[in-house]
């Protein structure tokens, strides 16, 4: 599984519409409207590395109201929730 964190600059008048449209794209797992220097954060999770370009450049980047993006690729996940779930199902 490949994970990308996409920081999205959006047209202020269209933030809710952009967020909803981005959230409907297959491969986009979660979308957050946030405060700060950016407007929206999208968590992209895909099975194949090549799918990142399709989801991010071909889909998210073409949503009306997306003004710019910065993308970070995740190397490892460090989540207590993931660890707790693994132990819950018997993985050591």
N, C-alpha and C. Protein backbone atom coordinates (compact mmCIF):
# COMPACT_ATOMS: atom_id res chain seq x y z
N UNK A 1 0.85 -1.18 0.00
CA UNK A 1 0.00 0.00 0.00
C UNK A 1 0.90 1.24 0.00
N UNK A 2 0.60 2.19 -0.86
CA UNK A 2 1.33 3.44 -0.94
C UNK A 2 0.43 4.55 -0.41
N UNK A 3 1.00 5.39 0.46
CA UNK A 3 0.25 6.48 1.06
C UNK A 3 0.88 7.81 0.69
N UNK A 4 0.06 8.76 0.30
CA UNK A 4 0.51 10.12 0.01
C UNK A 4 -0.37 11.09 0.79
N UNK A 5 0.27 12.12 1.32
CA UNK A 5 -0.43 13.21 1.99
C UNK A 5 -0.40 14.38 1.02
N UNK A 6 -1.58 14.83 0.58
CA UNK A 6 -1.66 15.88 -0.42
C UNK A 6 -2.21 17.14 0.23
N UNK A 7 -1.39 18.19 0.23
CA UNK A 7 -1.80 19.50 0.75
C UNK A 7 -2.34 20.30 -0.42
N UNK A 8 -3.57 20.76 -0.30
CA UNK A 8 -4.26 21.39 -1.43
C UNK A 8 -4.57 22.84 -1.12
N UNK A 9 -4.14 23.72 -2.02
CA UNK A 9 -4.56 25.12 -2.00
C UNK A 9 -5.80 25.21 -2.87
N UNK A 10 -6.87 25.75 -2.32
CA UNK A 10 -8.13 25.79 -3.05
C UNK A 10 -8.68 27.21 -3.12
N UNK A 11 -9.51 27.44 -4.12
CA UNK A 11 -10.27 28.69 -4.22
C UNK A 11 -11.14 28.77 -2.98
N UNK A 12 -10.98 29.83 -2.21
CA UNK A 12 -11.68 29.97 -0.93
C UNK A 12 -13.20 29.85 -1.10
N UNK A 13 -13.73 30.31 -2.19
CA UNK A 13 -15.17 30.26 -2.42
C UNK A 13 -15.66 28.84 -2.71
N UNK A 14 -14.71 27.91 -2.98
CA UNK A 14 -15.11 26.55 -3.36
C UNK A 14 -14.54 25.47 -2.44
N UNK A 15 -14.06 25.83 -1.26
CA UNK A 15 -13.44 24.83 -0.39
C UNK A 15 -14.36 23.64 -0.11
N UNK A 16 -15.61 23.84 0.29
CA UNK A 16 -16.47 22.67 0.54
C UNK A 16 -16.69 21.81 -0.70
N UNK A 17 -16.89 22.45 -1.84
CA UNK A 17 -17.11 21.71 -3.09
C UNK A 17 -15.85 20.94 -3.51
N UNK A 18 -14.69 21.58 -3.38
CA UNK A 18 -13.43 20.92 -3.71
C UNK A 18 -13.22 19.72 -2.79
N UNK A 19 -13.43 19.92 -1.49
CA UNK A 19 -13.23 18.84 -0.53
C UNK A 19 -14.15 17.65 -0.83
N UNK A 20 -15.41 17.92 -1.14
CA UNK A 20 -16.36 16.85 -1.45
C UNK A 20 -16.00 16.13 -2.74
N UNK A 21 -15.57 16.88 -3.75
CA UNK A 21 -15.20 16.24 -5.02
C UNK A 21 -13.93 15.40 -4.86
N UNK A 22 -12.95 15.93 -4.13
CA UNK A 22 -11.72 15.17 -3.88
C UNK A 22 -12.05 13.90 -3.09
N UNK A 23 -12.92 14.00 -2.11
CA UNK A 23 -13.29 12.84 -1.28
C UNK A 23 -13.98 11.74 -2.10
N UNK A 24 -14.58 12.09 -3.21
CA UNK A 24 -15.29 11.11 -4.04
C UNK A 24 -14.37 10.37 -5.01
N UNK A 25 -13.10 10.76 -5.08
CA UNK A 25 -12.16 10.13 -6.00
C UNK A 25 -11.69 8.80 -5.43
N UNK A 26 -11.79 7.72 -6.21
CA UNK A 26 -11.27 6.43 -5.74
C UNK A 26 -9.76 6.53 -5.44
N UNK A 27 -9.38 6.03 -4.28
CA UNK A 27 -7.99 6.12 -3.84
C UNK A 27 -7.79 7.19 -2.80
N UNK A 28 -8.73 8.12 -2.70
CA UNK A 28 -8.68 9.14 -1.64
C UNK A 28 -9.40 8.56 -0.44
N UNK A 29 -8.65 8.40 0.66
CA UNK A 29 -9.17 7.74 1.85
C UNK A 29 -9.86 8.71 2.81
N UNK A 30 -9.25 9.87 3.00
CA UNK A 30 -9.80 10.88 3.91
C UNK A 30 -9.49 12.27 3.37
N UNK A 31 -10.36 13.22 3.69
CA UNK A 31 -10.16 14.61 3.31
C UNK A 31 -10.51 15.49 4.50
N UNK A 32 -9.63 16.46 4.77
CA UNK A 32 -9.82 17.37 5.90
C UNK A 32 -9.75 18.81 5.42
N UNK A 33 -10.68 19.65 5.82
CA UNK A 33 -10.49 21.09 5.67
C UNK A 33 -9.76 21.54 6.93
N UNK A 34 -8.75 22.39 6.75
CA UNK A 34 -7.87 22.73 7.86
C UNK A 34 -7.60 24.23 7.90
N UNK A 35 -7.06 24.66 9.05
CA UNK A 35 -6.61 26.03 9.17
C UNK A 35 -5.13 26.09 8.80
N UNK A 36 -4.65 27.29 8.55
CA UNK A 36 -3.23 27.46 8.26
C UNK A 36 -2.98 27.88 6.83
N UNK A 37 -1.79 27.55 6.35
CA UNK A 37 -1.35 28.00 5.03
C UNK A 37 -2.00 27.24 3.87
N UNK A 38 -2.61 26.12 4.16
CA UNK A 38 -3.29 25.36 3.12
C UNK A 38 -4.76 25.24 3.49
N UNK A 39 -5.54 24.76 2.55
CA UNK A 39 -6.99 24.71 2.77
C UNK A 39 -7.52 23.30 3.03
N UNK A 40 -6.93 22.31 2.36
CA UNK A 40 -7.45 20.94 2.41
C UNK A 40 -6.27 19.97 2.46
N UNK A 41 -6.42 18.90 3.24
CA UNK A 41 -5.46 17.80 3.24
C UNK A 41 -6.19 16.54 2.80
N UNK A 42 -5.63 15.85 1.82
CA UNK A 42 -6.20 14.58 1.37
C UNK A 42 -5.21 13.46 1.64
N UNK A 43 -5.71 12.37 2.19
CA UNK A 43 -4.91 11.17 2.40
C UNK A 43 -5.22 10.21 1.26
N UNK A 44 -4.20 9.91 0.47
CA UNK A 44 -4.36 9.02 -0.68
C UNK A 44 -3.70 7.70 -0.35
N UNK A 45 -4.42 6.61 -0.55
CA UNK A 45 -3.87 5.27 -0.33
C UNK A 45 -4.22 4.40 -1.53
N UNK A 46 -3.17 3.90 -2.20
CA UNK A 46 -3.36 3.08 -3.40
C UNK A 46 -2.47 1.84 -3.32
N UNK A 47 -2.82 0.81 -4.08
CA UNK A 47 -2.06 -0.44 -4.05
C UNK A 47 -0.79 -0.37 -4.90
N UNK A 48 -0.81 0.39 -5.97
CA UNK A 48 0.31 0.45 -6.90
C UNK A 48 0.90 1.85 -6.96
N UNK A 49 2.21 1.92 -7.01
CA UNK A 49 2.90 3.21 -7.07
C UNK A 49 2.41 4.05 -8.25
N UNK A 50 2.18 3.41 -9.39
CA UNK A 50 1.75 4.12 -10.58
C UNK A 50 0.39 4.79 -10.39
N UNK A 51 -0.43 4.24 -9.50
CA UNK A 51 -1.76 4.81 -9.26
C UNK A 51 -1.69 6.17 -8.57
N UNK A 52 -0.57 6.48 -7.92
CA UNK A 52 -0.43 7.79 -7.28
C UNK A 52 -0.56 8.90 -8.31
N UNK A 53 0.10 8.75 -9.45
CA UNK A 53 0.03 9.78 -10.48
C UNK A 53 -1.39 9.95 -11.01
N UNK A 54 -2.09 8.83 -11.18
CA UNK A 54 -3.47 8.90 -11.66
C UNK A 54 -4.35 9.64 -10.68
N UNK A 55 -4.28 9.26 -9.42
CA UNK A 55 -5.16 9.87 -8.41
C UNK A 55 -4.78 11.33 -8.17
N UNK A 56 -3.49 11.60 -7.99
CA UNK A 56 -3.07 12.95 -7.60
C UNK A 56 -3.06 13.91 -8.78
N UNK A 57 -2.32 13.60 -9.82
CA UNK A 57 -2.19 14.53 -10.95
C UNK A 57 -3.41 14.54 -11.85
N UNK A 58 -3.87 13.35 -12.22
CA UNK A 58 -4.96 13.27 -13.19
C UNK A 58 -6.33 13.54 -12.60
N UNK A 59 -6.52 13.27 -11.30
CA UNK A 59 -7.85 13.45 -10.70
C UNK A 59 -7.90 14.66 -9.78
N UNK A 60 -7.13 14.65 -8.68
CA UNK A 60 -7.19 15.76 -7.72
C UNK A 60 -6.79 17.07 -8.38
N UNK A 61 -5.69 17.03 -9.14
CA UNK A 61 -5.19 18.25 -9.76
C UNK A 61 -6.14 18.89 -10.76
N UNK A 62 -7.10 18.12 -11.24
CA UNK A 62 -8.05 18.63 -12.24
C UNK A 62 -9.41 19.00 -11.65
N UNK A 63 -9.54 18.91 -10.34
CA UNK A 63 -10.80 19.32 -9.70
C UNK A 63 -10.91 20.84 -9.80
N UNK A 64 -12.04 21.36 -10.32
CA UNK A 64 -12.21 22.81 -10.39
C UNK A 64 -12.09 23.44 -9.00
N UNK A 65 -11.25 24.44 -8.89
CA UNK A 65 -11.03 25.12 -7.62
C UNK A 65 -9.73 24.73 -6.95
N UNK A 66 -9.05 23.68 -7.43
CA UNK A 66 -7.73 23.35 -6.92
C UNK A 66 -6.73 24.29 -7.57
N UNK A 67 -6.07 25.09 -6.74
CA UNK A 67 -5.12 26.08 -7.25
C UNK A 67 -3.68 25.57 -7.25
N UNK A 68 -3.39 24.64 -6.35
CA UNK A 68 -2.04 24.08 -6.26
C UNK A 68 -2.01 22.96 -5.26
N UNK A 69 -0.95 22.14 -5.34
CA UNK A 69 -0.82 21.00 -4.44
C UNK A 69 0.65 20.81 -4.06
N UNK A 70 0.85 20.27 -2.88
CA UNK A 70 2.15 19.77 -2.44
C UNK A 70 1.90 18.36 -1.94
N UNK A 71 2.72 17.42 -2.38
CA UNK A 71 2.49 16.02 -2.05
C UNK A 71 3.68 15.45 -1.29
N UNK A 72 3.38 14.72 -0.24
CA UNK A 72 4.39 14.01 0.55
C UNK A 72 4.08 12.52 0.48
N UNK A 73 5.10 11.71 0.17
CA UNK A 73 4.93 10.26 0.16
C UNK A 73 5.38 9.70 1.49
N UNK A 74 4.58 8.82 2.05
CA UNK A 74 4.89 8.23 3.35
C UNK A 74 5.81 7.03 3.16
N UNK A 75 6.84 6.94 4.03
CA UNK A 75 7.74 5.78 4.03
C UNK A 75 7.24 4.71 4.98
N UNK A 76 6.85 5.10 6.19
CA UNK A 76 6.40 4.19 7.22
C UNK A 76 5.24 4.80 7.97
N UNK A 77 4.40 3.94 8.54
CA UNK A 77 3.29 4.40 9.36
C UNK A 77 3.60 4.06 10.81
N UNK A 78 3.46 5.04 11.68
CA UNK A 78 3.64 4.85 13.11
C UNK A 78 2.34 5.27 13.77
N UNK A 79 1.47 4.31 14.01
CA UNK A 79 0.16 4.61 14.56
C UNK A 79 -0.15 3.65 15.69
N UNK A 80 -0.43 4.17 16.85
CA UNK A 80 -0.79 3.32 17.98
C UNK A 80 -2.07 2.55 17.69
N UNK A 81 -3.00 3.17 16.97
CA UNK A 81 -4.25 2.49 16.62
C UNK A 81 -3.97 1.26 15.76
N UNK A 82 -3.05 1.37 14.81
CA UNK A 82 -2.69 0.22 13.97
C UNK A 82 -2.06 -0.88 14.81
N UNK A 83 -1.16 -0.50 15.71
CA UNK A 83 -0.51 -1.49 16.57
C UNK A 83 -1.51 -2.19 17.48
N UNK A 84 -2.42 -1.40 18.08
CA UNK A 84 -3.44 -1.98 18.95
C UNK A 84 -4.31 -2.97 18.18
N UNK A 85 -4.68 -2.64 16.96
CA UNK A 85 -5.52 -3.52 16.14
C UNK A 85 -4.78 -4.80 15.81
N UNK A 86 -3.50 -4.71 15.49
CA UNK A 86 -2.70 -5.90 15.17
C UNK A 86 -2.64 -6.85 16.37
N UNK A 87 -2.42 -6.31 17.56
CA UNK A 87 -2.37 -7.15 18.75
C UNK A 87 -3.75 -7.74 19.06
N UNK A 88 -4.79 -6.99 18.77
CA UNK A 88 -6.15 -7.44 19.01
C UNK A 88 -6.49 -8.69 18.20
N UNK A 89 -5.97 -8.74 16.95
CA UNK A 89 -6.29 -9.90 16.11
C UNK A 89 -5.26 -11.01 16.25
N UNK A 90 -4.31 -10.84 17.15
CA UNK A 90 -3.39 -11.92 17.47
C UNK A 90 -2.05 -11.86 16.77
N UNK A 91 -1.73 -10.76 16.10
CA UNK A 91 -0.42 -10.63 15.47
C UNK A 91 0.59 -10.16 16.49
N UNK A 92 1.77 -10.73 16.49
CA UNK A 92 2.83 -10.32 17.43
C UNK A 92 4.01 -9.77 16.67
